[in-house]
N, C-alpha and C. Protein backbone atom coordinates (compact mmCIF):
# COMPACT_ATOMS: atom_id res chain seq x y z
N MET A 1 -147.67 -20.43 7.70
CA MET A 1 -146.61 -21.63 7.70
C MET A 1 -147.46 -22.70 8.53
N GLY A 2 -147.37 -23.80 7.55
CA GLY A 2 -148.06 -24.96 7.88
C GLY A 2 -147.67 -25.85 8.84
N PRO A 3 -148.21 -26.58 9.57
CA PRO A 3 -147.80 -27.62 10.48
C PRO A 3 -146.54 -28.49 9.73
N ARG A 4 -146.50 -28.64 8.54
CA ARG A 4 -145.58 -29.70 8.18
C ARG A 4 -144.31 -28.99 8.36
N VAL A 5 -144.45 -27.75 7.59
CA VAL A 5 -142.88 -26.59 7.55
C VAL A 5 -142.51 -26.40 8.82
N ILE A 6 -143.24 -26.30 9.93
CA ILE A 6 -143.18 -25.88 11.66
C ILE A 6 -142.33 -27.34 12.14
N GLY A 7 -142.89 -28.38 11.55
CA GLY A 7 -142.35 -29.32 12.09
C GLY A 7 -140.93 -29.75 11.55
N LEU A 8 -140.64 -29.35 10.36
CA LEU A 8 -139.75 -29.71 9.59
C LEU A 8 -138.63 -28.65 10.19
N LEU A 9 -138.77 -27.53 10.71
CA LEU A 9 -137.76 -26.54 11.45
C LEU A 9 -137.74 -26.75 12.66
N VAL A 10 -138.42 -27.54 13.49
CA VAL A 10 -137.91 -28.01 14.79
C VAL A 10 -136.87 -29.10 14.34
N ALA A 11 -137.18 -29.86 13.38
CA ALA A 11 -136.40 -31.09 13.67
C ALA A 11 -135.18 -30.56 13.19
N VAL A 12 -134.82 -29.38 12.07
CA VAL A 12 -133.69 -28.84 12.06
C VAL A 12 -132.96 -28.27 13.19
N ALA A 13 -133.54 -27.40 14.30
CA ALA A 13 -133.04 -27.01 15.22
C ALA A 13 -132.80 -28.12 16.07
N ALA A 14 -133.31 -29.41 16.03
CA ALA A 14 -132.90 -30.40 17.17
C ALA A 14 -131.58 -30.88 16.35
N VAL A 15 -131.48 -30.78 15.34
CA VAL A 15 -130.05 -31.42 14.42
C VAL A 15 -128.91 -30.71 15.27
N VAL A 16 -129.28 -29.18 14.83
CA VAL A 16 -128.26 -28.13 15.13
C VAL A 16 -127.68 -28.29 16.48
N ALA A 17 -128.84 -28.46 17.04
CA ALA A 17 -128.38 -28.54 18.66
C ALA A 17 -127.66 -29.79 19.14
N GLY A 18 -127.80 -30.67 18.42
CA GLY A 18 -127.00 -32.03 18.58
C GLY A 18 -127.63 -33.16 19.44
N VAL A 19 -128.99 -32.97 19.50
CA VAL A 19 -129.67 -33.98 20.71
C VAL A 19 -130.68 -34.41 19.67
N VAL A 20 -131.13 -34.37 18.32
CA VAL A 20 -131.81 -35.05 17.92
C VAL A 20 -132.12 -36.50 18.10
N ALA A 21 -133.35 -37.08 18.69
CA ALA A 21 -133.41 -38.54 18.77
C ALA A 21 -133.22 -39.28 17.63
N ILE A 22 -132.73 -40.52 17.67
CA ILE A 22 -132.65 -41.22 16.54
C ILE A 22 -133.84 -41.81 15.93
N GLY A 23 -134.70 -41.74 16.84
CA GLY A 23 -136.23 -42.39 15.93
C GLY A 23 -137.22 -42.15 17.11
N THR A 24 -138.28 -41.41 16.85
CA THR A 24 -139.42 -41.24 17.62
C THR A 24 -139.80 -42.36 18.72
N ASP A 25 -139.38 -43.58 18.41
CA ASP A 25 -139.99 -44.94 19.25
C ASP A 25 -138.51 -45.74 19.62
N THR A 26 -137.21 -45.17 19.14
CA THR A 26 -136.13 -45.64 19.55
C THR A 26 -136.09 -45.43 21.08
N VAL A 27 -136.06 -46.26 22.06
CA VAL A 27 -135.59 -46.27 23.52
C VAL A 27 -134.74 -47.53 24.08
N ALA A 28 -133.88 -46.90 24.95
CA ALA A 28 -133.21 -47.89 25.62
C ALA A 28 -134.03 -48.62 26.74
N THR A 29 -133.99 -49.42 26.88
CA THR A 29 -135.11 -50.07 28.05
C THR A 29 -134.05 -49.84 29.27
N ALA A 30 -132.93 -49.93 29.38
CA ALA A 30 -132.04 -49.82 30.58
C ALA A 30 -130.92 -49.31 29.72
N PRO A 31 -129.94 -48.78 30.91
CA PRO A 31 -128.83 -48.21 30.75
C PRO A 31 -128.15 -48.71 29.88
N ILE A 32 -127.25 -48.41 28.77
CA ILE A 32 -126.27 -49.12 28.03
C ILE A 32 -124.86 -48.46 27.98
N SER A 33 -123.99 -49.55 28.69
CA SER A 33 -122.79 -48.78 29.12
C SER A 33 -121.76 -49.22 28.72
N SER A 34 -120.33 -48.66 28.45
CA SER A 34 -119.47 -49.06 27.73
C SER A 34 -118.44 -49.07 29.12
N GLU A 35 -118.52 -49.11 30.20
CA GLU A 35 -117.70 -49.10 30.97
C GLU A 35 -116.97 -50.57 31.24
N GLY A 36 -115.61 -50.43 31.55
CA GLY A 36 -114.79 -51.68 31.73
C GLY A 36 -114.84 -52.18 30.22
N VAL A 37 -114.89 -51.49 29.26
CA VAL A 37 -114.75 -51.98 27.76
C VAL A 37 -113.20 -52.65 27.94
N GLY A 38 -112.59 -52.34 28.41
CA GLY A 38 -111.12 -53.02 27.97
C GLY A 38 -110.78 -54.55 29.02
N LYS A 39 -111.90 -54.49 29.65
CA LYS A 39 -111.68 -56.13 30.13
C LYS A 39 -112.80 -56.85 30.20
N GLN A 40 -113.93 -56.23 29.74
CA GLN A 40 -115.42 -57.03 29.90
C GLN A 40 -116.23 -57.16 28.57
N GLU A 41 -117.10 -57.77 28.50
CA GLU A 41 -118.45 -57.50 27.39
C GLU A 41 -118.82 -56.32 28.14
N THR A 42 -119.40 -55.37 26.88
CA THR A 42 -120.03 -54.19 27.41
C THR A 42 -121.82 -54.24 26.37
N GLY A 43 -122.54 -53.54 27.01
CA GLY A 43 -123.73 -53.39 26.39
C GLY A 43 -123.52 -52.59 25.16
N PHE A 44 -122.77 -51.53 25.30
CA PHE A 44 -122.41 -50.74 24.25
C PHE A 44 -121.62 -51.49 22.89
N GLY A 45 -120.59 -52.06 23.47
CA GLY A 45 -119.92 -52.81 22.76
C GLY A 45 -120.70 -53.91 21.76
N ASP A 46 -121.78 -54.66 22.43
CA ASP A 46 -122.66 -55.50 21.99
C ASP A 46 -123.36 -55.00 20.86
N LEU A 47 -123.97 -53.33 21.23
CA LEU A 47 -124.77 -52.77 19.88
C LEU A 47 -123.87 -52.33 19.05
N LEU A 48 -122.90 -52.04 19.09
CA LEU A 48 -121.81 -51.53 18.11
C LEU A 48 -121.60 -52.32 17.07
N THR A 49 -121.00 -53.62 17.78
CA THR A 49 -120.71 -54.92 16.81
C THR A 49 -122.07 -55.50 16.33
N ASP A 50 -123.08 -55.70 16.74
CA ASP A 50 -124.47 -55.74 16.44
C ASP A 50 -124.64 -54.92 14.90
N ALA A 51 -124.49 -53.70 15.09
CA ALA A 51 -124.66 -52.65 13.86
C ALA A 51 -124.05 -53.11 12.95
N LEU A 52 -122.49 -53.42 13.02
CA LEU A 52 -121.45 -53.36 11.91
C LEU A 52 -121.92 -54.90 11.44
N LEU A 53 -122.21 -56.04 12.30
CA LEU A 53 -122.41 -57.36 11.80
C LEU A 53 -123.98 -57.08 10.84
N THR A 54 -124.89 -56.53 11.20
CA THR A 54 -126.01 -56.35 10.62
C THR A 54 -125.72 -55.52 9.10
N SER A 55 -124.80 -54.43 9.30
CA SER A 55 -124.72 -54.05 7.99
C SER A 55 -124.15 -54.48 6.89
N SER A 56 -122.56 -55.12 7.55
CA SER A 56 -122.04 -55.96 6.23
C SER A 56 -122.27 -57.31 5.96
N GLY A 57 -123.07 -57.79 6.51
CA GLY A 57 -123.63 -59.06 6.29
C GLY A 57 -122.81 -60.24 6.85
N ALA A 58 -121.52 -59.93 7.49
CA ALA A 58 -120.50 -60.45 7.75
C ALA A 58 -120.72 -61.90 8.65
N ASP A 59 -120.05 -62.53 9.00
CA ASP A 59 -120.30 -63.64 9.99
C ASP A 59 -119.94 -63.76 11.67
N ILE A 60 -119.03 -62.60 11.52
CA ILE A 60 -118.45 -62.06 12.91
C ILE A 60 -118.17 -60.55 13.03
N ALA A 61 -118.40 -59.74 14.03
CA ALA A 61 -117.83 -58.78 13.89
C ALA A 61 -116.49 -58.43 15.42
N LEU A 62 -115.82 -57.87 14.97
CA LEU A 62 -114.87 -57.37 15.76
C LEU A 62 -114.72 -56.22 16.31
N VAL A 63 -114.37 -55.52 17.39
CA VAL A 63 -114.30 -53.96 17.74
C VAL A 63 -113.51 -53.91 18.98
N ALA A 64 -112.11 -53.24 18.97
CA ALA A 64 -111.28 -53.13 20.04
C ALA A 64 -112.03 -52.02 21.24
N ALA A 65 -111.25 -52.14 22.33
CA ALA A 65 -111.72 -51.25 23.49
C ALA A 65 -111.56 -49.92 23.08
N VAL A 66 -110.40 -49.84 22.08
CA VAL A 66 -109.70 -48.15 22.01
C VAL A 66 -110.87 -47.72 21.28
N SER A 67 -111.83 -48.16 20.52
CA SER A 67 -112.78 -47.58 19.62
C SER A 67 -113.70 -47.06 20.33
N CYS A 68 -113.88 -47.03 21.77
CA CYS A 68 -114.99 -46.92 22.65
C CYS A 68 -114.16 -45.88 23.51
N LYS A 69 -115.19 -44.91 24.01
CA LYS A 69 -114.98 -44.35 25.11
C LYS A 69 -115.82 -44.74 26.44
N PRO A 70 -115.32 -45.01 27.80
CA PRO A 70 -116.16 -44.82 28.59
C PRO A 70 -117.28 -44.01 29.09
N GLY A 71 -118.61 -44.54 29.21
CA GLY A 71 -119.83 -43.89 29.48
C GLY A 71 -121.11 -44.70 29.22
N SER A 72 -122.36 -43.84 29.43
CA SER A 72 -123.30 -45.00 29.62
C SER A 72 -124.38 -43.80 28.87
N ILE A 73 -125.36 -44.72 28.05
CA ILE A 73 -126.72 -43.94 27.54
C ILE A 73 -127.95 -44.44 28.65
N PRO A 74 -128.35 -43.14 29.07
CA PRO A 74 -129.35 -43.70 30.21
C PRO A 74 -130.55 -44.74 29.22
N ALA A 75 -131.27 -44.94 30.37
CA ALA A 75 -132.68 -45.27 29.89
C ALA A 75 -133.55 -44.44 29.44
N GLY A 76 -134.44 -44.48 28.39
CA GLY A 76 -135.30 -43.37 27.44
C GLY A 76 -134.74 -43.41 26.19
N PRO A 77 -135.48 -42.31 25.60
CA PRO A 77 -135.14 -42.03 24.33
C PRO A 77 -133.58 -41.96 23.89
N VAL A 78 -133.12 -42.47 22.66
CA VAL A 78 -131.41 -42.37 22.39
C VAL A 78 -131.49 -41.40 21.39
N THR A 79 -130.37 -40.55 21.76
CA THR A 79 -129.87 -39.71 20.46
C THR A 79 -128.76 -39.69 20.03
N ALA A 80 -128.45 -38.98 18.99
CA ALA A 80 -127.54 -39.13 18.39
C ALA A 80 -126.30 -38.55 19.02
N ALA A 81 -126.32 -37.74 19.88
CA ALA A 81 -124.94 -37.43 20.90
C ALA A 81 -124.65 -38.37 21.30
N GLN A 82 -125.63 -38.95 21.86
CA GLN A 82 -125.29 -39.93 23.12
C GLN A 82 -124.66 -41.15 22.50
N LEU A 83 -124.99 -41.42 21.39
CA LEU A 83 -123.86 -42.65 20.78
C LEU A 83 -122.80 -41.82 20.24
N THR A 84 -122.54 -40.71 19.77
CA THR A 84 -121.38 -40.15 19.47
C THR A 84 -120.35 -40.03 20.56
N ASP A 85 -120.92 -39.67 21.52
CA ASP A 85 -119.81 -39.59 22.92
C ASP A 85 -119.26 -40.64 23.27
N LEU A 86 -120.20 -42.11 22.84
CA LEU A 86 -119.04 -43.18 23.29
C LEU A 86 -118.40 -43.88 22.16
N LEU A 87 -117.98 -43.42 20.95
CA LEU A 87 -117.22 -43.61 20.00
C LEU A 87 -115.77 -42.79 20.02
N GLN A 88 -114.94 -43.65 20.19
CA GLN A 88 -113.49 -42.47 19.97
C GLN A 88 -113.39 -42.08 18.53
N ASN A 89 -113.60 -42.49 17.84
CA ASN A 89 -113.37 -41.99 16.16
C ASN A 89 -114.92 -42.49 15.42
N PRO A 90 -115.73 -41.75 15.55
CA PRO A 90 -116.97 -41.90 15.03
C PRO A 90 -117.12 -41.88 13.53
N ASP A 91 -115.98 -41.11 12.90
CA ASP A 91 -115.97 -41.07 11.24
C ASP A 91 -115.08 -42.05 10.71
N GLU A 92 -114.55 -43.07 11.58
CA GLU A 92 -113.91 -43.76 11.04
C GLU A 92 -114.80 -44.72 9.97
N SER A 93 -114.03 -45.62 9.21
CA SER A 93 -115.04 -46.16 8.08
C SER A 93 -114.61 -47.96 8.90
N TRP A 94 -115.10 -48.82 7.76
CA TRP A 94 -114.98 -50.39 8.40
C TRP A 94 -114.68 -51.11 7.32
N ALA A 95 -114.18 -52.28 7.47
CA ALA A 95 -114.05 -53.09 6.46
C ALA A 95 -113.89 -54.36 6.56
N MET A 96 -114.20 -55.64 5.54
CA MET A 96 -114.57 -57.00 5.85
C MET A 96 -113.05 -57.36 5.33
N SER A 97 -112.88 -58.54 6.49
CA SER A 97 -111.45 -59.33 6.44
C SER A 97 -112.24 -60.66 6.26
N THR A 98 -111.34 -61.61 5.43
CA THR A 98 -111.23 -62.90 5.50
C THR A 98 -110.30 -63.49 6.44
N LEU A 99 -110.87 -64.15 7.38
CA LEU A 99 -109.93 -64.54 8.50
C LEU A 99 -110.16 -66.46 8.69
N THR A 100 -109.16 -67.06 8.97
CA THR A 100 -109.42 -68.29 9.32
C THR A 100 -109.77 -68.67 10.76
N GLY A 101 -110.51 -69.33 11.23
CA GLY A 101 -111.00 -69.88 12.49
C GLY A 101 -109.77 -69.96 13.52
N ALA A 102 -108.42 -70.55 12.88
CA ALA A 102 -107.28 -70.57 13.77
C ALA A 102 -107.12 -68.93 14.00
N GLN A 103 -106.89 -68.03 13.08
CA GLN A 103 -106.62 -66.40 13.10
C GLN A 103 -107.40 -66.15 14.18
N ILE A 104 -108.96 -66.49 14.22
CA ILE A 104 -109.88 -65.60 15.11
C ILE A 104 -109.56 -66.06 16.58
N VAL A 105 -109.53 -67.25 16.76
CA VAL A 105 -108.59 -67.65 18.09
C VAL A 105 -107.52 -67.22 18.53
N GLU A 106 -106.50 -67.12 17.78
CA GLU A 106 -105.32 -66.22 18.16
C GLU A 106 -105.56 -64.88 18.45
N ALA A 107 -106.72 -64.30 17.46
CA ALA A 107 -107.27 -63.04 17.94
C ALA A 107 -107.72 -62.79 19.60
N LEU A 108 -108.57 -63.79 19.61
CA LEU A 108 -109.22 -63.62 20.96
C LEU A 108 -108.38 -63.68 21.82
N GLU A 109 -107.49 -64.81 21.96
CA GLU A 109 -106.53 -64.92 23.12
C GLU A 109 -105.72 -63.67 23.11
N LYS A 110 -105.31 -62.95 22.10
CA LYS A 110 -104.75 -61.65 22.22
C LYS A 110 -105.61 -60.71 23.19
N SER A 111 -106.62 -60.94 22.77
CA SER A 111 -107.96 -60.15 23.71
C SER A 111 -107.92 -60.38 25.19
N LEU A 112 -107.92 -61.63 25.41
CA LEU A 112 -107.96 -62.12 26.93
C LEU A 112 -106.81 -61.85 27.40
N SER A 113 -105.50 -61.65 26.89
CA SER A 113 -104.04 -62.29 27.53
C SER A 113 -103.93 -61.19 28.56
N ARG A 114 -104.63 -60.13 29.03
CA ARG A 114 -103.94 -59.29 29.94
C ARG A 114 -104.99 -59.43 31.13
N LEU A 115 -106.09 -59.97 30.91
CA LEU A 115 -107.31 -60.24 32.10
C LEU A 115 -106.23 -60.75 33.52
N PRO A 116 -106.42 -59.96 34.77
CA PRO A 116 -107.78 -59.23 34.56
C PRO A 116 -107.71 -57.83 34.89
N GLY A 117 -106.10 -57.51 34.26
CA GLY A 117 -105.87 -56.16 33.72
C GLY A 117 -106.79 -55.43 32.50
N THR A 118 -106.66 -54.21 32.46
CA THR A 118 -107.38 -53.93 31.12
C THR A 118 -106.52 -53.52 30.23
N ASN A 119 -107.15 -53.71 28.86
CA ASN A 119 -106.36 -54.20 27.60
C ASN A 119 -107.15 -53.14 26.72
N ASN A 120 -106.64 -52.35 25.96
CA ASN A 120 -107.15 -51.66 24.86
C ASN A 120 -107.28 -52.29 23.64
N ALA A 121 -106.73 -53.73 23.62
CA ALA A 121 -107.12 -54.60 22.72
C ALA A 121 -108.44 -55.58 22.74
N PHE A 122 -108.61 -55.23 23.87
CA PHE A 122 -109.83 -56.39 24.54
C PHE A 122 -111.17 -55.89 23.35
N LEU A 123 -111.61 -57.34 22.95
CA LEU A 123 -112.34 -57.59 21.96
C LEU A 123 -113.81 -57.40 22.41
N GLN A 124 -115.13 -56.55 22.10
CA GLN A 124 -116.36 -56.52 21.96
C GLN A 124 -116.62 -57.54 20.61
N LEU A 125 -117.71 -58.23 20.67
CA LEU A 125 -117.88 -59.17 19.47
C LEU A 125 -119.48 -59.34 19.11
N SER A 126 -119.64 -59.77 17.89
CA SER A 126 -121.10 -60.13 17.82
C SER A 126 -120.71 -61.22 16.79
N GLY A 127 -121.82 -62.08 16.65
CA GLY A 127 -122.09 -63.20 15.82
C GLY A 127 -121.35 -64.57 16.25
N ILE A 128 -120.61 -64.25 17.36
CA ILE A 128 -119.84 -65.51 18.06
C ILE A 128 -119.89 -65.30 19.58
N THR A 129 -120.16 -66.38 20.37
CA THR A 129 -120.19 -66.42 21.82
C THR A 129 -118.55 -67.37 22.29
N VAL A 130 -117.88 -66.87 23.14
CA VAL A 130 -116.86 -67.07 23.23
C VAL A 130 -116.68 -67.38 24.76
N THR A 131 -116.39 -69.00 25.37
CA THR A 131 -116.47 -69.41 26.59
C THR A 131 -114.84 -69.40 27.07
N PHE A 132 -114.32 -69.02 27.98
CA PHE A 132 -112.98 -68.88 28.32
C PHE A 132 -112.53 -68.84 29.83
N ASN A 133 -111.64 -69.33 30.09
CA ASN A 133 -110.87 -69.18 31.51
C ASN A 133 -110.12 -68.33 31.73
N PRO A 134 -110.47 -67.21 32.50
CA PRO A 134 -109.38 -66.09 32.86
C PRO A 134 -107.83 -66.49 33.65
N ASN A 135 -108.34 -67.82 34.18
CA ASN A 135 -106.93 -68.34 34.96
C ASN A 135 -106.02 -69.07 34.47
N ALA A 136 -106.50 -69.47 33.40
CA ALA A 136 -105.65 -70.41 32.63
C ALA A 136 -104.34 -69.27 32.11
N GLU A 137 -103.43 -70.32 31.46
CA GLU A 137 -101.91 -69.62 31.05
C GLU A 137 -102.38 -68.66 29.56
N ARG A 138 -101.65 -67.41 29.91
CA ARG A 138 -102.09 -66.71 28.55
C ARG A 138 -101.48 -67.77 27.22
N GLY A 139 -102.73 -67.55 26.32
CA GLY A 139 -102.42 -68.20 25.01
C GLY A 139 -103.56 -69.53 24.98
N ASN A 140 -103.78 -69.65 26.05
CA ASN A 140 -104.63 -70.87 26.07
C ASN A 140 -105.92 -70.69 27.03
N ARG A 141 -106.52 -69.64 27.11
CA ARG A 141 -107.52 -68.78 27.60
C ARG A 141 -108.88 -69.42 26.96
N VAL A 142 -109.06 -69.58 25.90
CA VAL A 142 -110.15 -69.73 25.23
C VAL A 142 -110.49 -70.90 25.00
N VAL A 143 -111.84 -71.72 25.77
CA VAL A 143 -111.94 -72.75 26.01
C VAL A 143 -112.89 -73.05 24.78
N SER A 144 -113.61 -72.47 24.52
CA SER A 144 -114.68 -72.78 22.99
C SER A 144 -114.96 -71.82 22.33
N VAL A 145 -115.75 -71.63 21.00
CA VAL A 145 -115.99 -70.58 20.09
C VAL A 145 -117.03 -71.04 19.43
N HIS A 146 -118.34 -70.55 19.56
CA HIS A 146 -119.25 -70.64 18.60
C HIS A 146 -119.64 -69.51 17.71
N VAL A 147 -120.00 -69.91 16.54
CA VAL A 147 -120.13 -68.93 15.74
C VAL A 147 -121.65 -69.52 15.17
N GLY A 148 -122.52 -68.46 15.84
CA GLY A 148 -124.05 -68.58 15.84
C GLY A 148 -124.36 -70.05 16.88
N ALA A 149 -124.72 -71.11 16.19
CA ALA A 149 -124.88 -72.21 17.68
C ALA A 149 -123.95 -73.06 16.83
N THR A 150 -122.71 -72.70 15.77
CA THR A 150 -122.35 -74.07 15.41
C THR A 150 -120.44 -73.77 15.85
N PRO A 151 -120.01 -74.79 16.38
CA PRO A 151 -118.60 -74.69 16.54
C PRO A 151 -117.82 -74.28 15.50
N LEU A 152 -116.76 -73.20 15.95
CA LEU A 152 -115.99 -72.60 15.28
C LEU A 152 -114.90 -73.69 14.62
N GLU A 153 -114.78 -73.61 12.96
CA GLU A 153 -113.72 -74.56 12.78
C GLU A 153 -112.61 -73.74 12.32
N ARG A 154 -111.49 -74.18 12.75
CA ARG A 154 -110.01 -73.78 12.59
C ARG A 154 -109.71 -73.28 11.45
N SER A 155 -110.23 -74.38 10.52
CA SER A 155 -109.41 -74.40 8.94
C SER A 155 -110.16 -73.68 8.12
N ARG A 156 -111.49 -73.42 8.34
CA ARG A 156 -112.59 -72.30 7.70
C ARG A 156 -112.32 -71.00 7.76
N GLN A 157 -112.64 -70.44 6.63
CA GLN A 157 -112.46 -68.90 6.38
C GLN A 157 -113.76 -68.44 6.89
N TYR A 158 -113.80 -67.31 7.61
CA TYR A 158 -114.93 -66.55 7.97
C TYR A 158 -115.00 -65.15 7.57
N ARG A 159 -115.91 -64.18 7.31
CA ARG A 159 -115.87 -62.87 7.13
C ARG A 159 -115.94 -62.33 8.07
N VAL A 160 -115.00 -61.20 8.48
CA VAL A 160 -115.15 -60.44 9.81
C VAL A 160 -115.00 -59.13 9.84
N VAL A 161 -115.92 -58.50 9.89
CA VAL A 161 -116.01 -56.96 9.75
C VAL A 161 -115.76 -56.28 11.15
N MET A 162 -114.80 -55.19 10.74
CA MET A 162 -113.92 -54.59 11.97
C MET A 162 -113.87 -52.71 11.21
N PRO A 163 -113.71 -52.07 12.29
CA PRO A 163 -113.26 -50.99 12.00
C PRO A 163 -111.90 -50.79 11.22
N LEU A 164 -112.02 -50.02 10.02
CA LEU A 164 -110.63 -50.28 9.44
C LEU A 164 -109.26 -50.35 10.35
N SER A 165 -109.16 -49.47 11.11
CA SER A 165 -107.82 -49.46 12.11
C SER A 165 -107.90 -50.85 12.47
N LEU A 166 -108.66 -51.40 12.80
CA LEU A 166 -108.43 -52.66 13.21
C LEU A 166 -107.83 -53.94 12.29
N ALA A 167 -108.75 -53.41 11.20
CA ALA A 167 -108.79 -54.62 9.95
C ALA A 167 -107.38 -54.49 9.46
N LYS A 168 -106.64 -53.45 9.49
CA LYS A 168 -105.32 -53.09 9.25
C LYS A 168 -104.23 -53.66 9.88
N GLY A 169 -104.80 -53.96 11.07
CA GLY A 169 -103.75 -54.64 12.32
C GLY A 169 -103.57 -54.20 13.62
N GLY A 170 -104.46 -52.70 13.76
CA GLY A 170 -104.13 -51.86 14.79
C GLY A 170 -104.28 -52.56 16.19
N SER A 171 -103.80 -52.10 17.33
CA SER A 171 -104.14 -52.21 18.47
C SER A 171 -103.25 -53.88 18.59
N GLY A 172 -102.25 -53.66 17.85
CA GLY A 172 -101.50 -55.03 18.12
C GLY A 172 -101.65 -56.09 17.28
N TYR A 173 -102.92 -56.07 16.57
CA TYR A 173 -103.29 -57.31 15.73
C TYR A 173 -102.37 -57.54 14.56
N PHE A 174 -101.73 -56.90 14.33
CA PHE A 174 -100.78 -56.87 12.97
C PHE A 174 -99.92 -58.27 13.06
N THR A 175 -99.84 -58.89 14.31
CA THR A 175 -98.96 -60.35 14.47
C THR A 175 -100.73 -61.59 13.80
N VAL A 176 -101.36 -61.07 13.94
CA VAL A 176 -102.51 -61.75 13.52
C VAL A 176 -103.24 -61.62 12.08
N PHE A 177 -103.56 -60.46 11.91
CA PHE A 177 -104.30 -60.13 10.60
C PHE A 177 -103.65 -58.74 10.24
N ASP A 178 -103.67 -58.46 9.00
CA ASP A 178 -103.23 -57.31 8.46
C ASP A 178 -104.09 -56.56 7.18
N SER A 179 -103.52 -55.38 6.15
CA SER A 179 -104.64 -55.19 5.13
C SER A 179 -104.57 -56.20 4.28
N SER A 180 -103.82 -57.03 4.06
CA SER A 180 -103.59 -58.16 3.24
C SER A 180 -104.84 -59.01 3.02
N HIS A 181 -105.70 -59.05 4.29
CA HIS A 181 -106.80 -59.73 4.65
C HIS A 181 -108.01 -59.05 4.45
N ILE A 182 -108.04 -57.71 3.89
CA ILE A 182 -109.17 -57.41 4.00
C ILE A 182 -109.62 -57.33 2.60
N HIS A 183 -111.06 -57.81 2.30
CA HIS A 183 -111.56 -58.32 0.93
C HIS A 183 -112.57 -57.25 0.89
N GLY A 184 -112.35 -56.38 -0.41
CA GLY A 184 -112.74 -55.44 -1.18
C GLY A 184 -112.45 -54.22 -0.50
N ASP A 185 -113.01 -53.02 -1.28
CA ASP A 185 -113.15 -51.67 -0.29
C ASP A 185 -113.22 -51.41 0.92
N PRO A 186 -112.78 -50.78 1.60
CA PRO A 186 -113.76 -50.28 2.73
C PRO A 186 -115.05 -50.11 2.77
N SER A 187 -115.74 -49.77 3.78
CA SER A 187 -117.25 -49.19 3.59
C SER A 187 -117.26 -47.65 3.32
N GLU A 188 -118.20 -46.91 2.47
CA GLU A 188 -118.23 -45.71 2.44
C GLU A 188 -119.05 -45.30 3.63
N GLN A 189 -119.55 -45.78 4.37
CA GLN A 189 -120.18 -45.78 5.45
C GLN A 189 -119.23 -45.44 6.85
N THR A 190 -119.34 -44.33 7.32
CA THR A 190 -118.95 -44.52 9.00
C THR A 190 -119.15 -45.30 10.05
N VAL A 191 -118.44 -45.59 11.07
CA VAL A 191 -119.07 -46.55 11.88
C VAL A 191 -120.26 -45.54 12.84
N MET A 192 -119.95 -44.46 12.68
CA MET A 192 -121.14 -43.89 13.31
C MET A 192 -122.32 -43.91 12.36
N GLU A 193 -122.39 -43.71 11.20
CA GLU A 193 -123.22 -43.86 10.29
C GLU A 193 -123.93 -44.81 10.31
N THR A 194 -123.21 -45.99 10.64
CA THR A 194 -123.69 -47.74 10.42
C THR A 194 -124.45 -47.67 11.66
N LEU A 195 -123.88 -47.19 12.96
CA LEU A 195 -124.68 -47.38 13.98
C LEU A 195 -126.04 -46.91 14.05
N THR A 196 -125.97 -45.38 13.82
CA THR A 196 -127.39 -44.71 13.63
C THR A 196 -128.26 -45.40 12.93
N ASP A 197 -128.11 -46.12 11.73
CA ASP A 197 -128.90 -46.47 10.94
C ASP A 197 -129.35 -47.55 11.56
N PHE A 198 -128.72 -48.54 12.17
CA PHE A 198 -128.94 -49.81 13.26
C PHE A 198 -129.83 -49.29 14.09
N VAL A 199 -129.40 -48.49 14.86
CA VAL A 199 -130.49 -48.00 16.25
C VAL A 199 -131.55 -47.44 15.52
N PHE A 200 -132.01 -46.55 14.58
CA PHE A 200 -132.93 -46.10 13.74
C PHE A 200 -134.11 -47.06 13.44
N GLY A 201 -133.42 -48.26 13.11
CA GLY A 201 -134.28 -49.51 12.70
C GLY A 201 -135.25 -50.07 13.92
N LEU A 202 -134.71 -49.69 15.24
CA LEU A 202 -134.98 -50.74 16.38
C LEU A 202 -135.91 -49.54 17.26
N SER A 203 -136.75 -50.20 17.61
CA SER A 203 -138.03 -49.54 18.53
C SER A 203 -137.41 -49.43 20.11
N LYS A 204 -136.69 -50.84 20.39
CA LYS A 204 -136.33 -50.88 21.52
C LYS A 204 -134.88 -51.31 21.55
N LEU A 205 -133.96 -50.84 22.85
CA LEU A 205 -132.73 -51.28 22.62
C LEU A 205 -132.49 -51.94 24.31
N ASN A 206 -132.33 -53.30 24.18
CA ASN A 206 -132.16 -54.08 25.41
C ASN A 206 -130.69 -54.60 25.13
N TYR A 207 -129.56 -53.83 25.67
CA TYR A 207 -128.29 -54.27 25.69
C TYR A 207 -127.79 -54.15 27.22
N PRO A 208 -127.75 -55.52 27.88
CA PRO A 208 -127.23 -55.51 28.88
C PRO A 208 -126.01 -55.86 29.18
N GLY A 209 -125.26 -56.53 28.17
CA GLY A 209 -123.73 -56.43 27.93
C GLY A 209 -123.10 -57.88 28.39
N THR A 210 -123.99 -58.75 28.42
CA THR A 210 -124.10 -60.14 28.87
C THR A 210 -124.43 -61.51 27.84
N GLY A 211 -123.55 -62.34 27.72
CA GLY A 211 -124.18 -63.40 27.11
C GLY A 211 -123.16 -63.93 25.79
N ARG A 212 -122.21 -63.20 25.54
CA ARG A 212 -120.91 -63.32 24.47
C ARG A 212 -119.84 -63.53 24.79
N LEU A 213 -119.21 -63.43 26.06
CA LEU A 213 -118.03 -63.43 26.38
C LEU A 213 -118.19 -64.15 27.71
N ILE A 214 -118.28 -65.68 27.77
CA ILE A 214 -118.98 -66.55 29.25
C ILE A 214 -117.37 -67.06 29.89
N SER A 215 -117.30 -66.34 30.99
CA SER A 215 -115.98 -66.97 31.94
C SER A 215 -116.35 -68.20 32.66
N LYS A 216 -115.45 -69.22 32.68
CA LYS A 216 -115.56 -70.30 32.92
C LYS A 216 -114.90 -70.70 34.22
């Protein structure tokens, strides 16, 4: 039996065991946590939304806290099992919606409305930076939103990628958007497959969970 065959058998055994590393050079440089996902930006939330944003080519990615389980990926080699353990529904697909800037701000206000308490509708995000005042009245907590380096325009339409359940208005967002805003068909990839592909393409993961939601 040649070395190549032996290597293949070892890889298959690792997959069966559920601990196969995503990539031989894919390493978390520090722990990546989803703890507190219902009330703050998290490293895993940043990683997950970055994966959706990159795969879809959208302007913005949003994921509600309900899609994540609390936990942490330790520093070191990343495994498929570690990623799956932090997803509430890894087999869910995702979709692209077309939303106005005004709708995005309304969604962000809903996300921030229960602070300092926990909210299953709290949004993890990519592609945007949000400055907010947690002590302001509900509905007036968003101070500013930037898409990339550009201020968000309320009248402009943006492509927003989300897990399918959220895109359909789940977690109470049906008051802001619903299935009618979905553009095209849902992705054939699951959230887990998209996350795995993204992680596989990186040699190092550095996700401290800061810099996207800024408290004023």
